N, C-alpha and C. Protein backbone atom coordinates (compact mmCIF):
# COMPACT_ATOMS: atom_id res chain seq x y z
N MET A 1 12.82 -11.13 -11.00
CA MET A 1 12.81 -10.56 -9.68
C MET A 1 11.27 -10.36 -9.63
N PHE A 2 10.87 -10.60 -8.48
CA PHE A 2 9.29 -10.26 -8.12
C PHE A 2 9.24 -9.05 -7.30
N ARG A 3 8.22 -7.99 -7.86
CA ARG A 3 8.22 -6.95 -7.29
C ARG A 3 6.85 -6.36 -7.86
N LEU A 4 6.15 -5.46 -6.88
CA LEU A 4 5.16 -4.79 -7.07
C LEU A 4 5.37 -3.65 -8.38
N SER A 5 4.51 -3.47 -9.11
CA SER A 5 4.59 -2.19 -10.12
C SER A 5 4.73 -0.95 -9.24
N ARG A 6 5.12 0.05 -9.97
CA ARG A 6 5.13 1.47 -9.65
C ARG A 6 3.53 1.78 -9.46
N ALA A 7 2.74 1.53 -10.30
CA ALA A 7 1.50 1.82 -10.02
C ALA A 7 0.87 1.31 -8.69
N ALA A 8 1.05 0.21 -8.30
CA ALA A 8 0.67 -0.55 -7.16
C ALA A 8 1.24 0.05 -6.00
N GLU A 9 2.54 0.54 -6.00
CA GLU A 9 3.22 1.16 -4.99
C GLU A 9 2.38 2.44 -4.72
N TYR A 10 2.42 3.46 -5.88
CA TYR A 10 1.76 4.61 -5.89
C TYR A 10 0.28 4.42 -5.25
N THR A 11 -0.56 3.45 -5.70
CA THR A 11 -1.90 3.59 -5.11
C THR A 11 -1.88 2.93 -3.79
N ILE A 12 -1.00 2.28 -3.21
CA ILE A 12 -1.15 1.79 -1.87
C ILE A 12 -0.67 3.07 -1.11
N ARG A 13 0.22 3.97 -1.51
CA ARG A 13 0.58 5.16 -0.72
C ARG A 13 -0.53 6.17 -0.72
N GLY A 14 -1.07 6.40 -1.99
CA GLY A 14 -2.29 7.16 -2.04
C GLY A 14 -3.30 6.74 -1.03
N VAL A 15 -3.84 5.55 -0.85
CA VAL A 15 -4.96 4.91 -0.24
C VAL A 15 -4.59 5.19 1.29
N LEU A 16 -3.16 4.79 1.56
CA LEU A 16 -2.64 5.30 3.04
C LEU A 16 -2.88 6.78 3.29
N HIS A 17 -2.46 7.50 2.54
CA HIS A 17 -2.78 9.00 2.62
C HIS A 17 -4.24 9.17 3.05
N LEU A 18 -5.10 8.79 2.35
CA LEU A 18 -6.64 8.98 2.52
C LEU A 18 -6.94 8.36 3.62
N SER A 19 -6.30 7.31 4.13
CA SER A 19 -6.74 6.48 5.56
C SER A 19 -6.31 7.57 6.64
N ASN A 20 -5.41 8.17 6.52
CA ASN A 20 -5.06 9.05 7.49
C ASN A 20 -6.08 10.33 7.65
N ALA A 21 -6.62 10.78 6.63
CA ALA A 21 -7.67 11.88 6.70
C ALA A 21 -8.83 11.44 7.43
N PRO A 22 -9.58 12.38 8.18
CA PRO A 22 -10.58 12.25 8.94
C PRO A 22 -11.77 11.55 7.95
N HIS A 23 -12.33 10.69 8.82
CA HIS A 23 -13.77 9.86 7.99
C HIS A 23 -14.55 10.97 7.21
N GLY A 24 -14.66 10.61 6.08
CA GLY A 24 -15.66 11.37 5.38
C GLY A 24 -14.90 12.65 4.51
N ALA A 25 -13.74 13.06 4.92
CA ALA A 25 -12.82 13.93 4.26
C ALA A 25 -12.36 13.92 2.89
N THR A 26 -12.52 15.06 2.37
CA THR A 26 -12.14 14.85 0.76
C THR A 26 -10.83 15.46 0.79
N VAL A 27 -9.98 14.95 0.04
CA VAL A 27 -8.66 15.47 -0.22
C VAL A 27 -8.27 15.58 -1.50
N ASP A 28 -7.74 16.75 -1.86
CA ASP A 28 -7.32 16.85 -3.14
C ASP A 28 -6.05 16.27 -3.68
N VAL A 29 -6.29 15.85 -4.69
CA VAL A 29 -5.20 14.85 -5.26
C VAL A 29 -3.51 15.58 -5.32
N GLU A 30 -3.67 16.75 -5.47
CA GLU A 30 -2.43 17.52 -5.69
C GLU A 30 -1.79 17.37 -4.37
N SER A 31 -2.48 17.59 -3.08
CA SER A 31 -1.79 17.42 -1.68
C SER A 31 -1.46 16.07 -1.42
N VAL A 32 -2.07 15.09 -1.86
CA VAL A 32 -1.79 13.68 -1.66
C VAL A 32 -0.73 13.47 -2.50
N ALA A 33 -0.49 13.89 -3.70
CA ALA A 33 0.62 13.48 -4.65
C ALA A 33 1.90 14.27 -4.03
N LYS A 34 1.58 15.49 -3.66
CA LYS A 34 3.03 16.06 -2.87
C LYS A 34 3.58 15.33 -1.82
N ALA A 35 2.82 15.23 -0.94
CA ALA A 35 2.88 14.60 0.37
C ALA A 35 3.62 12.95 -0.04
N GLN A 36 3.07 12.60 -0.86
CA GLN A 36 3.62 11.21 -1.15
C GLN A 36 4.88 11.07 -2.24
N ARG A 37 5.08 12.11 -2.92
CA ARG A 37 5.93 12.24 -4.03
C ARG A 37 5.70 11.47 -4.97
N ILE A 38 4.36 11.62 -5.51
CA ILE A 38 3.80 11.01 -6.83
C ILE A 38 3.58 11.95 -7.64
N PRO A 39 3.77 11.75 -9.05
CA PRO A 39 3.37 12.78 -10.03
C PRO A 39 1.49 12.95 -9.96
N VAL A 40 1.15 14.00 -10.07
CA VAL A 40 -0.03 14.30 -9.77
C VAL A 40 -0.98 13.78 -10.95
N ALA A 41 -0.66 13.78 -11.97
CA ALA A 41 -1.44 13.17 -13.06
C ALA A 41 -1.66 11.67 -12.99
N TYR A 42 -0.36 11.26 -12.86
CA TYR A 42 -0.45 9.63 -12.43
C TYR A 42 -1.46 9.10 -11.30
N LEU A 43 -1.14 9.81 -10.39
CA LEU A 43 -2.10 9.61 -8.91
C LEU A 43 -3.39 9.79 -9.49
N ALA A 44 -3.87 10.80 -10.09
CA ALA A 44 -5.05 10.99 -10.43
C ALA A 44 -5.93 9.79 -11.44
N LYS A 45 -4.94 9.34 -12.20
CA LYS A 45 -5.45 8.32 -12.97
C LYS A 45 -5.62 6.95 -12.11
N LEU A 46 -4.56 6.69 -11.14
CA LEU A 46 -4.73 5.61 -10.29
C LEU A 46 -5.98 5.76 -9.34
N PHE A 47 -6.45 6.84 -8.94
CA PHE A 47 -7.47 7.21 -8.12
C PHE A 47 -8.66 6.97 -8.93
N GLN A 48 -8.65 7.24 -10.18
CA GLN A 48 -9.89 7.00 -10.95
C GLN A 48 -10.02 5.52 -11.13
N THR A 49 -9.14 4.68 -11.16
CA THR A 49 -9.41 3.32 -11.23
C THR A 49 -9.85 2.83 -9.97
N LEU A 50 -9.45 3.42 -8.92
CA LEU A 50 -9.92 3.03 -7.62
C LEU A 50 -11.38 3.47 -7.60
N ALA A 51 -11.69 4.54 -8.05
CA ALA A 51 -13.00 5.11 -7.88
C ALA A 51 -13.95 3.87 -8.84
N LYS A 52 -13.54 3.59 -9.98
CA LYS A 52 -14.23 2.68 -10.79
C LYS A 52 -14.52 1.45 -10.23
N LYS A 53 -13.56 1.01 -9.19
CA LYS A 53 -13.67 -0.32 -8.20
C LYS A 53 -14.10 -0.11 -6.99
N GLY A 54 -14.79 1.08 -6.87
CA GLY A 54 -15.46 1.47 -5.32
C GLY A 54 -14.65 1.33 -4.28
N PHE A 55 -13.39 1.97 -4.47
CA PHE A 55 -12.58 2.30 -3.15
C PHE A 55 -12.63 3.50 -2.83
N VAL A 56 -12.71 4.54 -3.75
CA VAL A 56 -12.63 5.93 -3.64
C VAL A 56 -13.91 6.58 -4.32
N LYS A 57 -14.22 7.74 -4.07
CA LYS A 57 -15.08 8.48 -4.56
C LYS A 57 -14.62 9.96 -4.83
N SER A 58 -14.91 10.49 -6.06
CA SER A 58 -14.33 11.81 -6.28
C SER A 58 -15.35 12.81 -6.45
N THR A 59 -15.05 13.99 -6.20
CA THR A 59 -15.98 15.16 -6.07
C THR A 59 -15.23 16.27 -7.02
N ARG A 60 -15.98 16.84 -7.74
CA ARG A 60 -15.52 18.07 -8.39
C ARG A 60 -15.76 19.41 -7.80
N GLY A 61 -14.90 20.42 -8.17
CA GLY A 61 -15.49 21.77 -7.54
C GLY A 61 -14.03 22.30 -6.69
N PRO A 62 -14.44 23.24 -6.42
CA PRO A 62 -13.26 24.02 -5.45
C PRO A 62 -13.04 23.31 -4.17
N ASP A 63 -13.83 22.44 -3.82
CA ASP A 63 -13.58 21.78 -2.56
C ASP A 63 -13.35 20.31 -3.02
N GLY A 64 -13.19 20.04 -4.15
CA GLY A 64 -13.09 18.71 -4.64
C GLY A 64 -12.00 17.82 -4.37
N GLY A 65 -12.17 16.75 -4.85
CA GLY A 65 -11.01 15.74 -4.35
C GLY A 65 -11.34 14.18 -4.13
N PHE A 66 -10.80 13.24 -3.67
CA PHE A 66 -11.09 12.12 -3.39
C PHE A 66 -11.00 11.76 -1.72
N MET A 67 -12.13 10.74 -1.57
CA MET A 67 -12.19 10.36 -0.17
C MET A 67 -12.52 8.72 -0.35
N LEU A 68 -12.16 8.02 0.94
CA LEU A 68 -12.37 6.61 0.84
C LEU A 68 -14.01 6.28 0.86
N VAL A 69 -14.41 5.29 0.26
CA VAL A 69 -15.91 5.06 0.15
C VAL A 69 -15.93 4.23 1.62
N ARG A 70 -15.11 3.45 1.86
CA ARG A 70 -15.23 2.32 2.75
C ARG A 70 -14.26 2.89 3.89
N ASP A 71 -14.32 2.17 5.23
CA ASP A 71 -13.45 2.58 6.33
C ASP A 71 -12.38 1.79 6.03
N PRO A 72 -11.04 2.65 6.62
CA PRO A 72 -9.80 1.99 6.24
C PRO A 72 -9.58 0.65 7.11
N GLU A 73 -10.37 0.25 7.92
CA GLU A 73 -10.32 -0.89 8.69
C GLU A 73 -10.74 -2.17 7.69
N ASP A 74 -11.55 -1.65 6.73
CA ASP A 74 -12.27 -2.87 5.77
C ASP A 74 -11.61 -2.68 4.58
N ILE A 75 -10.60 -1.94 4.52
CA ILE A 75 -9.77 -2.22 3.15
C ILE A 75 -8.43 -2.80 3.51
N ASN A 76 -8.12 -3.93 2.63
CA ASN A 76 -6.81 -4.54 3.00
C ASN A 76 -5.76 -4.33 1.64
N LEU A 77 -4.50 -4.48 1.89
CA LEU A 77 -3.30 -4.43 1.15
C LEU A 77 -3.83 -5.47 -0.05
N LEU A 78 -4.25 -6.55 0.17
CA LEU A 78 -4.43 -7.50 -0.97
C LEU A 78 -5.17 -6.88 -2.04
N GLU A 79 -6.46 -6.38 -1.62
CA GLU A 79 -7.51 -6.05 -2.54
C GLU A 79 -6.88 -4.84 -3.13
N VAL A 80 -6.32 -3.81 -2.63
CA VAL A 80 -5.80 -2.61 -3.23
C VAL A 80 -4.79 -3.07 -4.38
N ILE A 81 -3.90 -3.99 -3.97
CA ILE A 81 -2.86 -4.26 -5.15
C ILE A 81 -3.55 -5.21 -6.17
N GLU A 82 -4.36 -5.91 -5.98
CA GLU A 82 -5.27 -6.84 -6.89
C GLU A 82 -5.94 -5.73 -7.77
N ALA A 83 -6.58 -4.57 -7.22
CA ALA A 83 -7.44 -3.64 -8.06
C ALA A 83 -6.42 -2.89 -9.06
N VAL A 84 -5.15 -2.85 -9.00
CA VAL A 84 -4.21 -2.45 -9.72
C VAL A 84 -3.50 -3.39 -10.92
N GLU A 85 -3.11 -4.52 -10.02
CA GLU A 85 -2.19 -5.70 -10.58
C GLU A 85 -2.90 -6.81 -11.25
N GLY A 86 -4.10 -6.98 -10.84
CA GLY A 86 -4.87 -7.93 -10.89
C GLY A 86 -4.46 -9.18 -9.91
N PRO A 87 -4.94 -10.53 -10.05
CA PRO A 87 -4.32 -11.50 -8.99
C PRO A 87 -2.93 -11.65 -9.07
N ILE A 88 -2.35 -11.91 -7.79
CA ILE A 88 -1.09 -12.37 -7.38
C ILE A 88 -0.85 -13.81 -7.51
N PHE A 89 0.38 -14.08 -8.28
CA PHE A 89 0.81 -15.50 -8.32
C PHE A 89 2.30 -15.50 -8.27
N LEU A 90 2.69 -16.11 -7.20
CA LEU A 90 4.40 -16.23 -7.23
C LEU A 90 5.06 -17.04 -8.48
N ASN A 91 4.13 -17.84 -9.16
CA ASN A 91 4.84 -18.70 -10.23
C ASN A 91 3.73 -19.06 -11.13
N ASP A 92 4.13 -19.21 -12.29
CA ASP A 92 3.12 -19.41 -13.35
C ASP A 92 2.13 -20.52 -13.07
N CYS A 93 2.89 -21.64 -12.33
CA CYS A 93 2.38 -22.78 -12.17
C CYS A 93 1.01 -22.74 -11.14
N LEU A 94 0.94 -21.66 -10.37
CA LEU A 94 -0.25 -21.33 -9.68
C LEU A 94 -1.40 -20.93 -10.34
N ILE A 95 -1.28 -20.31 -11.39
CA ILE A 95 -2.54 -19.57 -12.29
C ILE A 95 -3.61 -20.76 -12.11
N HIS A 96 -3.49 -21.88 -12.48
CA HIS A 96 -4.56 -22.71 -12.37
C HIS A 96 -3.86 -24.32 -12.75
N ALA A 97 -4.68 -25.09 -12.31
CA ALA A 97 -4.23 -26.58 -12.54
C ALA A 97 -3.87 -27.00 -13.98
N GLY A 98 -2.91 -27.38 -14.09
CA GLY A 98 -2.29 -27.89 -15.47
C GLY A 98 -1.73 -26.74 -16.31
N GLN A 99 -1.48 -25.52 -15.68
CA GLN A 99 -0.75 -24.45 -16.33
C GLN A 99 0.61 -25.04 -16.46
N CYS A 100 1.16 -25.74 -15.79
CA CYS A 100 2.45 -26.31 -15.70
C CYS A 100 2.26 -27.79 -15.94
N ARG A 101 3.07 -28.46 -16.79
CA ARG A 101 3.06 -29.90 -16.87
C ARG A 101 3.50 -30.67 -15.67
N MET A 102 4.28 -30.03 -15.00
CA MET A 102 5.09 -30.71 -13.75
C MET A 102 4.41 -30.38 -12.58
N ASP A 103 3.48 -29.61 -12.36
CA ASP A 103 2.79 -29.32 -11.10
C ASP A 103 2.42 -30.53 -10.24
N MET A 104 2.00 -31.62 -10.75
CA MET A 104 1.74 -32.85 -9.95
C MET A 104 2.94 -33.56 -9.43
N VAL A 105 3.93 -33.47 -9.93
CA VAL A 105 5.32 -34.10 -9.50
C VAL A 105 6.38 -33.31 -9.00
N CYS A 106 6.24 -31.97 -9.29
CA CYS A 106 7.17 -31.03 -8.89
C CYS A 106 7.11 -30.70 -7.32
N PRO A 107 8.09 -31.02 -6.35
CA PRO A 107 7.99 -30.72 -5.24
C PRO A 107 8.10 -29.20 -4.63
N VAL A 108 8.83 -28.25 -5.99
CA VAL A 108 8.97 -26.80 -5.74
C VAL A 108 7.43 -26.24 -5.75
N HIS A 109 6.46 -27.01 -6.73
CA HIS A 109 5.08 -26.60 -6.68
C HIS A 109 4.45 -26.31 -5.30
N ASP A 110 4.52 -27.27 -4.43
CA ASP A 110 4.02 -27.34 -3.12
C ASP A 110 4.64 -26.07 -2.40
N VAL A 111 5.73 -25.93 -2.50
CA VAL A 111 6.53 -24.69 -1.80
C VAL A 111 5.85 -23.52 -2.14
N TRP A 112 5.83 -23.42 -3.54
CA TRP A 112 5.01 -22.01 -4.24
C TRP A 112 3.69 -22.01 -3.52
N ARG A 113 2.98 -22.86 -3.69
CA ARG A 113 1.63 -23.04 -3.33
C ARG A 113 1.53 -22.34 -1.83
N GLU A 114 2.16 -22.97 -1.01
CA GLU A 114 2.21 -22.54 0.47
C GLU A 114 2.68 -21.12 0.52
N ALA A 115 3.66 -20.71 0.27
CA ALA A 115 4.29 -19.66 0.08
C ALA A 115 3.31 -18.33 -0.36
N GLN A 116 2.54 -18.64 -1.42
CA GLN A 116 1.42 -17.88 -1.89
C GLN A 116 0.25 -17.81 -1.06
N LYS A 117 -0.06 -18.96 -0.54
CA LYS A 117 -1.23 -18.94 0.47
C LYS A 117 -0.78 -17.84 1.61
N ARG A 118 0.32 -18.10 2.47
CA ARG A 118 0.91 -17.24 3.33
C ARG A 118 0.90 -15.75 3.20
N LEU A 119 1.57 -15.49 1.78
CA LEU A 119 1.58 -14.29 1.40
C LEU A 119 0.21 -13.56 1.19
N LEU A 120 -0.74 -14.22 0.77
CA LEU A 120 -1.91 -13.54 0.37
C LEU A 120 -2.64 -13.44 1.58
N GLU A 121 -2.61 -14.17 2.57
CA GLU A 121 -3.19 -14.22 3.87
C GLU A 121 -2.66 -12.86 4.73
N TYR A 122 -1.35 -12.82 4.59
CA TYR A 122 -0.62 -11.69 5.19
C TYR A 122 -1.20 -10.44 4.71
N LEU A 123 -1.23 -10.17 3.33
CA LEU A 123 -1.77 -9.06 2.82
C LEU A 123 -3.08 -8.88 3.02
N ARG A 124 -3.89 -9.98 3.04
CA ARG A 124 -5.65 -9.77 3.30
C ARG A 124 -5.56 -9.23 4.73
N CYS A 125 -4.63 -9.55 5.69
CA CYS A 125 -4.78 -9.34 7.13
C CYS A 125 -4.31 -7.86 7.41
N SER A 126 -3.69 -7.41 6.42
CA SER A 126 -2.99 -5.96 6.70
C SER A 126 -3.79 -4.84 6.19
N THR A 127 -4.78 -4.19 7.21
CA THR A 127 -5.57 -3.23 6.76
C THR A 127 -5.10 -1.84 6.75
N PHE A 128 -5.75 -1.19 6.11
CA PHE A 128 -5.24 0.44 6.01
C PHE A 128 -5.55 1.19 7.36
N LYS A 129 -6.22 0.73 8.10
CA LYS A 129 -6.31 1.26 9.54
C LYS A 129 -5.17 0.84 10.24
N GLY A 130 -4.69 -0.38 10.18
CA GLY A 130 -3.59 -0.76 10.75
C GLY A 130 -2.05 -0.14 10.09
N LEU A 131 -2.19 0.19 8.99
CA LEU A 131 -1.16 0.86 8.25
C LEU A 131 -1.14 2.40 8.73
N ALA A 132 -2.32 3.00 8.56
CA ALA A 132 -2.31 4.30 9.05
C ALA A 132 -1.93 4.68 10.56
N THR A 133 -2.32 3.73 11.35
CA THR A 133 -1.81 3.99 12.91
C THR A 133 -0.19 3.72 12.76
N ALA A 134 0.21 2.54 12.15
CA ALA A 134 1.92 2.64 12.08
C ALA A 134 2.39 3.69 11.66
N ALA A 135 1.95 4.32 10.39
CA ALA A 135 2.49 5.58 9.86
C ALA A 135 2.60 6.65 10.86
N ARG A 136 1.58 6.90 11.67
CA ARG A 136 1.63 7.90 12.70
C ARG A 136 2.38 7.60 13.67
N GLN A 137 2.63 6.51 14.08
CA GLN A 137 3.51 5.94 15.13
C GLN A 137 4.97 6.28 14.70
N LYS A 138 5.27 5.86 13.43
CA LYS A 138 6.49 6.16 12.89
C LYS A 138 6.84 7.43 12.66
N ALA A 139 5.92 8.32 12.55
CA ALA A 139 6.32 9.61 12.19
C ALA A 139 6.69 10.38 13.47
N GLN A 140 5.74 9.91 14.74
CA GLN A 140 6.09 10.58 16.02
C GLN A 140 7.57 10.25 16.38
N LYS A 141 8.01 9.05 16.23
CA LYS A 141 9.10 8.63 16.46
C LYS A 141 10.23 9.30 15.69
N THR A 142 10.12 9.40 14.46
CA THR A 142 10.81 9.89 13.60
C THR A 142 11.03 11.49 14.12
N ALA A 143 9.82 12.09 14.51
CA ALA A 143 10.04 13.62 15.07
C ALA A 143 10.64 13.63 16.28
N VAL A 144 10.55 12.73 17.22
CA VAL A 144 11.21 12.52 18.43
C VAL A 144 12.68 12.41 18.30
N SER A 145 13.10 11.61 17.60
CA SER A 145 14.51 11.44 17.24
C SER A 145 15.20 12.76 16.61
N ARG A 146 14.24 13.34 15.74
CA ARG A 146 14.91 14.56 15.13
C ARG A 146 15.10 15.60 16.19
N GLU A 147 14.49 15.82 17.16
CA GLU A 147 14.56 16.73 18.25
C GLU A 147 15.63 16.36 19.22
N SER A 148 15.95 15.11 19.24
CA SER A 148 17.04 14.77 20.20
C SER A 148 18.44 15.18 19.83
């Protein structure tokens, strides 16, 4: 089964939460963890990984926490996933030419290559600004439907 790791899922949810914060705002890891239902220690570790890779900045002290270094419009799903998971490959034969002895004659290799190309492009075009906007819209719809 192909699926993202829990680390990647939690990292995405954490970055999305920070994307909804006002620009330049520091958010404490406990509030992100609580809102996203992620263990605090695990999220703190994931955010430290993101800090090392230049996505977030951490500050210490009573008003400490994490903030995005870049604008959510400039951060996409692909780069956040790859920051935690490494490069995405739908099949071993796509890792590099010659990885699979059959890649030059296998018709399925071409399907995997095209599917991977489309997936990576879709993830690359999915910015956290767009995801944050979608999250707010879904929250509003949910609130309205609960009031009805």
